[in-house]
Amino acid sequence: MVMYHEIIIFTPIFALMIGFIVLRILKKRKRSAKSIYKLIDDLEKKYIY
């Protein structure tokens, strides 16, 4: 009986932790993509125009 009680308590906690980690990774990727595009645009303006 004790094992089932622990599984019921810890499963949602692990699911929430995994969800937060995935969201943080996705946010970091979006920021890095925006910064890369900004760098490319700045370099194009500086050297092409």
Protein backbone atom coordinates (compact mmCIF):
# COMPACT_ATOMS: atom_id res chain seq x y z
CA MET A 1 0.00 0.00 0.00
CA VAL A 2 2.84 2.40 0.72
CA MET A 3 4.29 2.11 -2.79
CA TYR A 4 1.01 3.10 -4.45
CA HIS A 5 0.72 6.14 -2.19
CA GLU A 6 4.24 7.31 -3.07
CA ILE A 7 3.61 6.84 -6.79
CA ILE A 8 0.42 8.91 -6.61
CA ILE A 9 2.23 11.74 -4.82
CA PHE A 10 5.49 11.86 -6.82
CA THR A 11 4.18 11.35 -10.37
CA PRO A 12 2.59 14.83 -10.73
CA ILE A 13 5.67 16.44 -9.16
CA PHE A 14 7.97 14.83 -11.73
CA ALA A 15 5.58 15.75 -14.55
CA LEU A 16 5.61 19.41 -13.48
CA MET A 17 9.40 19.47 -13.24
CA ILE A 18 9.76 18.01 -16.73
CA GLY A 19 7.23 20.54 -18.07
CA PHE A 20 9.13 23.49 -16.60
CA ILE A 21 12.42 22.22 -18.02
CA VAL A 22 10.92 21.85 -21.50
CA LEU A 23 9.42 25.35 -21.38
CA ARG A 24 12.74 26.88 -20.33
CA ILE A 25 14.55 25.14 -23.18
CA LEU A 26 11.98 26.35 -25.70
CA LYS A 27 12.19 29.93 -24.44
CA LYS A 28 15.99 29.91 -24.66
CA ARG A 29 15.87 28.63 -28.23
CA LYS A 30 13.47 31.39 -29.25
CA ARG A 31 15.70 34.04 -27.73
CA SER A 32 18.81 32.69 -29.38
CA ALA A 33 17.09 32.53 -32.77
CA LYS A 34 15.99 36.16 -32.44
CA SER A 35 19.48 37.27 -31.47
CA ILE A 36 21.00 35.38 -34.41
CA TYR A 37 18.60 37.02 -36.87
CA LYS A 38 19.36 40.41 -35.37
CA LEU A 39 23.11 39.83 -35.76
CA ILE A 40 22.65 38.80 -39.40
CA ASP A 41 20.56 41.90 -40.12
CA ASP A 42 23.10 44.17 -38.45
CA LEU A 43 25.97 42.64 -40.42
CA GLU A 44 24.04 42.96 -43.69
CA LYS A 45 23.35 46.63 -43.02
CA LYS A 46 26.96 47.27 -42.07
CA TYR A 47 28.72 45.53 -44.94
CA ILE A 48 26.24 45.44 -47.83
CA TYR A 49 24.64 48.88 -47.74
